[in-house]
């Protein structure tokens, strides 16, 4: 549940002082949340089709979203206030 949200924080560099570079110019809040949401959906889809040995649980998507999207909203709000 915390994996996608923590990865979002790491990719966006929210754990440290903001730096303007190629990485942060590419990983804007919207781009980052779309990438991580797509990866979560892909992982659950692979589990559904039994591509690898795991347990499919549709509720996992809700669990991922319950932290990923609030982090995205907070990040977007903070970014818009700092402009």
Protein backbone atom coordinates (compact mmCIF):
# COMPACT_ATOMS: atom_id res chain seq x y z
CA UNK A 1 0.00 0.00 0.00
CA UNK A 2 2.78 2.42 0.82
CA UNK A 3 5.06 1.36 -2.04
CA UNK A 4 3.56 3.50 -4.83
CA UNK A 5 3.17 6.56 -2.58
CA UNK A 6 6.71 6.30 -1.24
CA UNK A 7 8.05 5.76 -4.77
CA UNK A 8 6.16 8.89 -5.86
CA UNK A 9 7.85 10.85 -3.06
CA UNK A 10 11.26 9.51 -4.07
CA UNK A 11 10.81 10.13 -7.81
CA UNK A 12 9.52 13.65 -7.23
CA UNK A 13 12.33 14.42 -4.78
CA UNK A 14 9.89 15.52 -2.09
CA UNK A 15 12.15 14.18 0.66
CA UNK A 16 14.72 16.91 0.04
CA UNK A 17 14.99 20.52 -1.07
CA UNK A 18 13.57 21.15 -4.54
CA UNK A 19 16.09 21.26 -7.36
CA UNK A 20 15.38 22.27 -10.95
CA UNK A 21 16.96 19.70 -13.26
CA UNK A 22 16.05 17.34 -16.12
CA UNK A 23 14.70 14.73 -13.68
CA UNK A 24 12.26 17.12 -11.98
CA UNK A 25 11.26 18.71 -15.29
CA UNK A 26 10.19 15.28 -16.59
CA UNK A 27 8.62 13.94 -13.39
CA UNK A 28 5.98 16.59 -12.86
CA UNK A 29 3.15 15.62 -10.48
CA UNK A 30 0.72 14.61 -13.24
CA UNK A 31 3.29 12.58 -15.18
CA UNK A 32 4.49 10.82 -12.06
CA UNK A 33 1.02 9.85 -10.79
CA UNK A 34 0.02 8.56 -14.25
CA UNK A 35 3.15 6.42 -14.49
CA UNK A 36 2.72 4.95 -11.01
CA UNK A 37 -1.01 4.35 -11.44
CA UNK A 38 -0.32 2.58 -14.74
CA UNK A 39 2.36 0.41 -13.13
CA UNK A 40 -0.04 -0.55 -10.31
CA UNK A 41 -2.74 -1.49 -12.82
CA UNK A 42 -0.22 -3.44 -14.91
CA UNK A 43 0.98 -5.40 -11.88
CA UNK A 44 -2.56 -6.31 -10.85
CA UNK A 45 -3.41 -7.27 -14.44
CA UNK A 46 -0.38 -9.56 -14.60
CA UNK A 47 -1.51 -11.14 -11.34
CA UNK A 48 -5.03 -11.62 -12.70
CA UNK A 49 -3.74 -13.46 -15.76
CA UNK A 50 -1.34 -15.51 -13.58
CA UNK A 51 1.74 -14.37 -15.48
CA UNK A 52 3.70 -14.98 -12.31
CA UNK A 53 2.94 -16.78 -9.07
CA UNK A 54 0.99 -14.29 -6.94
CA UNK A 55 -2.47 -13.53 -5.60
CA UNK A 56 -4.74 -11.15 -7.50
CA UNK A 57 -6.69 -8.78 -5.29
CA UNK A 58 -8.70 -5.98 -6.84
CA UNK A 59 -8.75 -4.19 -3.48
CA UNK A 60 -5.00 -3.64 -3.87
CA UNK A 61 -5.74 -0.97 -6.48
CA UNK A 62 -7.92 0.89 -3.99
CA UNK A 63 -5.22 0.53 -1.35
CA UNK A 64 -2.57 1.95 -3.69
CA UNK A 65 -4.84 4.81 -4.73
CA UNK A 66 -5.74 5.65 -1.12
CA UNK A 67 -2.19 6.95 -0.57
CA UNK A 68 -0.92 7.69 -4.07
CA UNK A 69 -3.61 10.20 -5.05
CA UNK A 70 -3.60 12.19 -1.79
CA UNK A 71 0.20 12.52 -2.08
CA UNK A 72 -0.30 13.72 -5.67
CA UNK A 73 -2.94 16.28 -4.63
CA UNK A 74 -0.76 17.62 -1.80
CA UNK A 75 2.26 17.80 -4.10
CA UNK A 76 0.26 19.65 -6.77
CA UNK A 77 -1.08 22.13 -4.24
CA UNK A 78 2.35 22.81 -2.77
CA UNK A 79 3.85 23.22 -6.23
CA UNK A 80 1.16 25.69 -7.30
CA UNK A 81 1.69 27.74 -4.09
CA UNK A 82 5.44 27.95 -4.69
CA UNK A 83 5.11 29.40 -8.19
